[in-house]
N, C-alpha and C. Protein backbone atom coordinates (compact mmCIF):
# COMPACT_ATOMS: atom_id res chain seq x y z
N UNK A 1 -17.32 -14.16 1.29
CA UNK A 1 -16.41 -13.43 0.64
C UNK A 1 -16.56 -13.84 -0.45
N UNK A 2 -16.60 -12.44 -1.48
CA UNK A 2 -17.08 -12.39 -2.83
C UNK A 2 -15.91 -12.70 -3.59
N UNK A 3 -15.94 -12.81 -4.78
CA UNK A 3 -14.96 -13.39 -5.04
C UNK A 3 -13.44 -12.29 -5.64
N UNK A 4 -14.69 -11.05 -5.53
CA UNK A 4 -13.59 -9.47 -5.91
C UNK A 4 -13.14 -9.03 -5.35
N UNK A 5 -14.01 -9.55 -3.41
CA UNK A 5 -12.87 -8.83 -2.48
C UNK A 5 -11.44 -9.64 -2.21
N UNK A 6 -12.00 -10.97 -2.71
CA UNK A 6 -10.96 -12.07 -2.51
C UNK A 6 -9.54 -11.64 -3.30
N UNK A 7 -10.29 -11.53 -4.73
CA UNK A 7 -8.82 -10.63 -5.62
C UNK A 7 -8.57 -9.78 -5.76
N UNK A 8 -9.08 -8.55 -4.78
CA UNK A 8 -8.16 -7.13 -4.65
C UNK A 8 -7.39 -7.21 -3.44
N UNK A 9 -7.70 -8.31 -2.59
CA UNK A 9 -7.20 -8.74 -0.92
C UNK A 9 -5.62 -9.34 -1.82
N UNK A 10 -5.78 -10.18 -2.58
CA UNK A 10 -4.50 -10.74 -3.02
C UNK A 10 -3.51 -9.65 -4.04
N UNK A 11 -4.70 -8.93 -5.21
CA UNK A 11 -3.63 -8.16 -5.39
C UNK A 11 -2.57 -6.98 -4.44
N UNK A 12 -3.71 -6.46 -3.21
CA UNK A 12 -3.10 -6.17 -2.52
C UNK A 12 -1.38 -6.76 -1.85
N UNK A 13 -1.66 -7.60 -1.69
CA UNK A 13 -0.84 -8.33 -0.83
C UNK A 13 0.63 -8.24 -2.35
N UNK A 14 0.11 -8.22 -3.39
CA UNK A 14 1.04 -8.62 -3.97
C UNK A 14 2.58 -7.06 -4.43
N UNK A 15 2.05 -6.37 -4.00
CA UNK A 15 2.90 -5.41 -3.78
C UNK A 15 3.92 -5.20 -2.94
N UNK A 16 5.18 -5.07 -2.87
CA UNK A 16 5.96 -5.00 -1.59
C UNK A 16 6.38 -4.10 -1.05
N UNK A 17 5.85 -2.56 -1.31
CA UNK A 17 5.47 -1.70 0.02
C UNK A 17 4.20 -1.83 0.35
N UNK A 18 3.10 -2.07 0.31
CA UNK A 18 1.99 -2.89 1.19
C UNK A 18 2.40 -3.74 1.81
N UNK A 19 2.59 -4.74 1.85
CA UNK A 19 3.32 -5.66 2.19
C UNK A 19 4.44 -5.59 3.62
N UNK A 20 5.22 -4.62 3.53
CA UNK A 20 6.07 -3.58 4.27
C UNK A 20 5.14 -2.99 5.45
N UNK A 21 3.80 -2.68 4.69
CA UNK A 21 3.31 -1.98 5.71
C UNK A 21 2.13 -2.98 6.16
N UNK A 22 1.88 -3.98 6.71
CA UNK A 22 1.90 -5.24 7.19
C UNK A 22 0.64 -5.32 6.50
N UNK A 23 0.09 -5.01 5.16
CA UNK A 23 -0.98 -5.81 4.75
C UNK A 23 -1.75 -6.87 5.18
N UNK A 24 -1.26 -7.85 4.81
CA UNK A 24 -1.41 -9.29 5.55
C UNK A 24 -1.81 -9.66 6.75
N UNK A 25 -0.90 -8.43 7.76
CA UNK A 25 -1.63 -8.78 8.85
C UNK A 25 -2.87 -8.13 9.23
N UNK A 26 -3.40 -7.25 8.99
CA UNK A 26 -4.58 -6.31 8.49
C UNK A 26 -4.24 -4.80 9.19
N UNK A 27 -3.01 -4.31 8.86
CA UNK A 27 -2.76 -2.89 9.44
C UNK A 27 -3.03 -2.16 8.49
N UNK A 28 -4.24 -2.51 7.27
CA UNK A 28 -4.27 -1.33 6.50
C UNK A 28 -6.35 -1.25 6.82
N UNK A 29 -6.65 -0.30 7.20
CA UNK A 29 -7.88 -0.18 6.74
C UNK A 29 -8.87 -0.70 5.74
N UNK A 30 -9.52 -0.87 5.95
CA UNK A 30 -10.54 -2.06 4.33
C UNK A 30 -9.82 -2.85 3.88
N UNK A 31 -8.84 -3.06 4.19
CA UNK A 31 -8.13 -4.02 2.99
C UNK A 31 -8.12 -5.62 3.79
N UNK A 32 -9.15 -6.76 4.15
CA UNK A 32 -8.91 -7.68 4.73
C UNK A 32 -8.72 -8.77 4.06
N UNK A 33 -8.61 -9.99 4.11
CA UNK A 33 -8.63 -11.44 3.61
C UNK A 33 -10.10 -11.81 3.33
N UNK A 34 -11.40 -11.62 3.78
CA UNK A 34 -12.78 -11.74 3.50
C UNK A 34 -13.00 -10.72 2.66
N UNK A 35 -12.63 -9.25 2.93
CA UNK A 35 -13.55 -8.29 2.62
C UNK A 35 -12.52 -6.84 1.76
N UNK A 36 -13.23 -5.87 1.27
CA UNK A 36 -12.43 -5.42 0.71
C UNK A 36 -13.55 -3.93 0.79
N UNK A 37 -13.28 -2.73 1.65
CA UNK A 37 -13.91 -2.22 2.27
C UNK A 37 -13.11 -0.40 1.64
N UNK A 38 -13.68 -0.60 0.50
CA UNK A 38 -13.09 0.68 -0.63
C UNK A 38 -13.51 2.29 0.07
N UNK A 39 -14.93 1.98 1.15
CA UNK A 39 -15.26 3.62 1.39
C UNK A 39 -14.61 3.45 2.35
N UNK A 40 -13.93 2.25 3.42
CA UNK A 40 -13.46 2.27 4.75
C UNK A 40 -12.04 3.39 4.48
N UNK A 41 -11.61 2.12 3.30
CA UNK A 41 -9.97 2.69 2.59
C UNK A 41 -9.85 3.96 2.01
N UNK A 42 -11.00 4.33 1.66
CA UNK A 42 -10.84 5.90 1.02
C UNK A 42 -10.50 6.81 1.71
N UNK A 43 -11.62 6.69 3.05
CA UNK A 43 -11.51 7.78 4.32
C UNK A 43 -10.41 7.62 4.66
N UNK A 44 -9.44 6.76 5.53
CA UNK A 44 -8.42 6.36 6.24
C UNK A 44 -7.71 7.42 5.21
N UNK A 45 -7.21 6.96 3.70
CA UNK A 45 -6.03 7.40 2.89
C UNK A 45 -6.47 9.06 2.63
N UNK A 46 -7.46 9.35 2.39
CA UNK A 46 -7.96 11.26 2.34
C UNK A 46 -7.98 12.14 3.25
N UNK A 47 -8.55 11.76 4.66
CA UNK A 47 -9.13 11.91 5.50
C UNK A 47 -8.03 11.71 6.83
N UNK A 48 -7.10 10.20 6.90
CA UNK A 48 -6.92 9.81 7.95
C UNK A 48 -5.60 9.55 7.91
N UNK A 49 -5.10 8.46 8.20
CA UNK A 49 -3.60 8.18 8.06
C UNK A 49 -3.20 8.00 6.86
N UNK A 50 -3.46 8.77 5.51
CA UNK A 50 -2.41 8.34 4.35
C UNK A 50 -2.02 9.13 4.53
N UNK A 51 -2.14 10.53 4.92
CA UNK A 51 -0.79 11.16 5.16
C UNK A 51 0.63 11.11 5.15
N UNK A 52 0.62 9.92 6.09
CA UNK A 52 2.35 8.96 6.98
C UNK A 52 2.35 8.64 5.49
N UNK A 53 1.91 8.04 4.70
CA UNK A 53 2.41 7.43 3.48
C UNK A 53 3.24 7.71 2.88
N UNK A 54 3.80 7.15 2.57
CA UNK A 54 4.76 7.53 1.34
C UNK A 54 4.07 7.96 -0.12
N UNK A 55 4.25 8.53 -1.11
CA UNK A 55 4.06 8.98 -2.36
C UNK A 55 3.85 7.71 -3.30
N UNK A 56 4.33 7.43 -2.97
CA UNK A 56 4.16 5.36 -3.70
C UNK A 56 3.46 4.79 -2.80
N UNK A 57 3.17 4.50 -1.72
CA UNK A 57 2.41 3.98 -1.52
C UNK A 57 1.15 4.03 -1.11
N UNK A 58 0.74 5.56 -1.71
CA UNK A 58 -0.20 6.47 -1.11
C UNK A 58 -1.02 6.49 -2.58
N UNK A 59 -0.03 6.64 -4.13
CA UNK A 59 -0.52 5.80 -5.25
C UNK A 59 -1.16 4.63 -5.56
N UNK A 60 -0.12 3.72 -4.46
CA UNK A 60 -0.78 1.87 -4.93
C UNK A 60 -1.94 1.86 -4.10
N UNK A 61 -2.05 2.32 -3.13
CA UNK A 61 -4.45 2.42 -2.94
C UNK A 61 -4.57 3.50 -3.72
N UNK A 62 -4.47 3.86 -3.83
CA UNK A 62 -5.45 5.18 -4.96
C UNK A 62 -5.89 3.98 -6.60
N UNK A 63 -4.43 3.20 -6.61
CA UNK A 63 -5.20 2.57 -7.86
C UNK A 63 -5.99 1.52 -7.59
N UNK A 64 -5.80 1.04 -5.95
CA UNK A 64 -6.19 -0.25 -5.59
C UNK A 64 -8.26 0.20 -5.49
N UNK A 65 -8.08 1.44 -5.15
CA UNK A 65 -9.02 2.14 -5.34
C UNK A 65 -10.24 1.94 -6.71
N UNK A 66 -9.63 2.64 -7.76
CA UNK A 66 -9.80 2.55 -9.10
C UNK A 66 -10.06 0.92 -9.68
N UNK A 67 -9.20 0.26 -8.66
CA UNK A 67 -9.73 -1.03 -9.25
C UNK A 67 -10.91 -1.87 -9.27
N UNK A 68 -11.23 -0.95 -7.96
CA UNK A 68 -12.17 -1.72 -7.37
C UNK A 68 -13.62 -0.77 -7.56
N UNK A 69 -13.50 0.53 -7.70
CA UNK A 69 -14.67 0.92 -8.43
C UNK A 69 -14.08 2.49 -9.28
N UNK A 70 -13.69 2.30 -10.54
CA UNK A 70 -13.04 3.50 -10.71
C UNK A 70 -14.24 4.53 -11.15
N UNK A 71 -15.35 4.69 -11.24
CA UNK A 71 -15.65 5.44 -11.15
C UNK A 71 -15.98 6.18 -10.14
N UNK A 72 -16.60 5.89 -8.65
CA UNK A 72 -16.30 6.82 -7.98
C UNK A 72 -14.96 6.98 -7.09
N UNK A 73 -14.11 6.18 -7.12
CA UNK A 73 -12.10 6.57 -6.96
C UNK A 73 -11.64 6.60 -8.34
N UNK A 74 -11.97 8.06 -8.54
CA UNK A 74 -11.26 8.23 -10.05
C UNK A 74 -9.81 9.60 -9.59
N UNK A 75 -9.32 9.18 -8.70
CA UNK A 75 -8.39 10.52 -8.77
C UNK A 75 -6.67 9.51 -9.00
N UNK A 76 -6.64 8.42 -9.40
CA UNK A 76 -5.82 7.47 -9.84
C UNK A 76 -5.04 7.84 -11.29
N UNK A 77 -3.49 7.56 -10.96
CA UNK A 77 -3.16 8.79 -12.25
C UNK A 77 -1.75 7.55 -12.62
N UNK A 78 -2.63 6.79 -13.66
CA UNK A 78 -1.22 5.61 -14.23
C UNK A 78 0.52 6.50 -14.64
N UNK A 79 -0.11 7.37 -15.07
CA UNK A 79 1.05 8.01 -15.48
C UNK A 79 1.89 8.46 -14.95
N UNK A 80 1.48 9.05 -13.56
CA UNK A 80 2.20 9.62 -12.54
C UNK A 80 2.88 8.56 -11.84
N UNK A 81 2.09 7.23 -11.54
CA UNK A 81 2.72 5.79 -10.96
C UNK A 81 3.62 5.84 -11.58
N UNK A 82 3.58 5.42 -13.50
CA UNK A 82 5.03 4.82 -14.37
C UNK A 82 6.03 5.45 -13.81
N UNK A 83 5.52 7.13 -13.71
CA UNK A 83 7.16 8.10 -12.97
C UNK A 83 7.44 7.71 -11.48
N UNK A 84 6.69 7.37 -10.80
CA UNK A 84 6.80 7.27 -9.60
C UNK A 84 7.12 5.55 -8.56
N UNK A 85 6.56 4.90 -9.01
CA UNK A 85 6.42 3.05 -8.47
C UNK A 85 7.72 3.03 -8.44
N UNK A 86 8.44 2.00 -8.39
CA UNK A 86 10.02 0.99 -8.72
C UNK A 86 10.05 0.10 -9.23
N UNK A 87 10.61 -0.69 -10.27
CA UNK A 87 9.89 -2.19 -10.58
C UNK A 87 9.24 -3.05 -10.17
N UNK A 88 9.81 -3.51 -8.92
CA UNK A 88 8.48 -4.46 -8.49
C UNK A 88 6.87 -3.95 -8.04
N UNK A 89 7.34 -2.62 -7.77
CA UNK A 89 5.78 -2.24 -7.26
C UNK A 89 5.13 -1.77 -8.63
N UNK A 90 5.60 -1.57 -9.75
CA UNK A 90 4.97 -1.34 -10.68
C UNK A 90 4.40 -2.97 -11.10
N UNK A 91 5.47 -3.80 -11.22
CA UNK A 91 4.90 -4.85 -11.77
C UNK A 91 3.88 -5.38 -11.02
N UNK A 92 3.80 -5.30 -10.23
CA UNK A 92 2.43 -6.11 -8.87
C UNK A 92 1.29 -4.88 -9.38
N UNK A 93 1.34 -3.75 -9.72
CA UNK A 93 0.38 -3.18 -10.35
C UNK A 93 0.14 -3.19 -11.71
N UNK A 94 0.54 -3.68 -12.51
CA UNK A 94 0.38 -4.39 -13.90
C UNK A 94 0.24 -5.32 -13.72
N UNK A 95 0.76 -5.95 -13.26
CA UNK A 95 -0.51 -7.47 -12.76
C UNK A 95 -1.84 -7.51 -12.68
N UNK A 96 -2.16 -6.22 -11.13
CA UNK A 96 -3.39 -6.24 -10.70
C UNK A 96 -3.84 -5.92 -11.66
N UNK A 97 -3.85 -4.71 -12.59
CA UNK A 97 -5.04 -4.20 -13.73
C UNK A 97 -4.91 -5.84 -14.14
N UNK A 98 -4.60 -6.22 -14.88
CA UNK A 98 -4.59 -7.60 -16.02
C UNK A 98 -5.52 -8.85 -15.45
N UNK A 99 -5.11 -8.89 -14.09
CA UNK A 99 -6.23 -9.69 -13.22
C UNK A 99 -7.82 -9.27 -12.91
N UNK A 100 -7.13 -7.80 -13.07
CA UNK A 100 -9.27 -7.31 -12.51
C UNK A 100 -9.57 -7.44 -14.23
N UNK A 101 -8.46 -6.94 -14.88
CA UNK A 101 -9.57 -6.83 -16.64
C UNK A 101 -10.11 -8.64 -16.81
N UNK A 102 -9.02 -8.93 -16.45
CA UNK A 102 -9.43 -10.58 -17.11
C UNK A 102 -10.76 -10.84 -16.24
N UNK A 103 -10.86 -11.02 -15.05
CA UNK A 103 -11.83 -11.12 -13.45
C UNK A 103 -11.34 -12.36 -13.24
N UNK A 104 -10.20 -12.66 -12.88
CA UNK A 104 -9.66 -13.81 -12.34
C UNK A 104 -8.57 -13.79 -11.14
């Protein structure tokens, strides 16, 4: 397990919306306690079950993909997230951005 994968998993688990979707139980493709498979998550999000998510949940997962690899996953829009997410999920996003930036 890499520190990056573990950090992204912990960030994903910090979102109340993803907790309700069962992220900790492995119900979101590509997100596990030991690995963050961005290509699996991206394929599911854009070509699979992502259409069943709320707009906010979709934005959160796009944000996680962007934190993982911003060059490959460049569809995330922070301004849209600011207008869409409730305060708890927005705080989780901001904390995730800071944690990724600080690499801790």
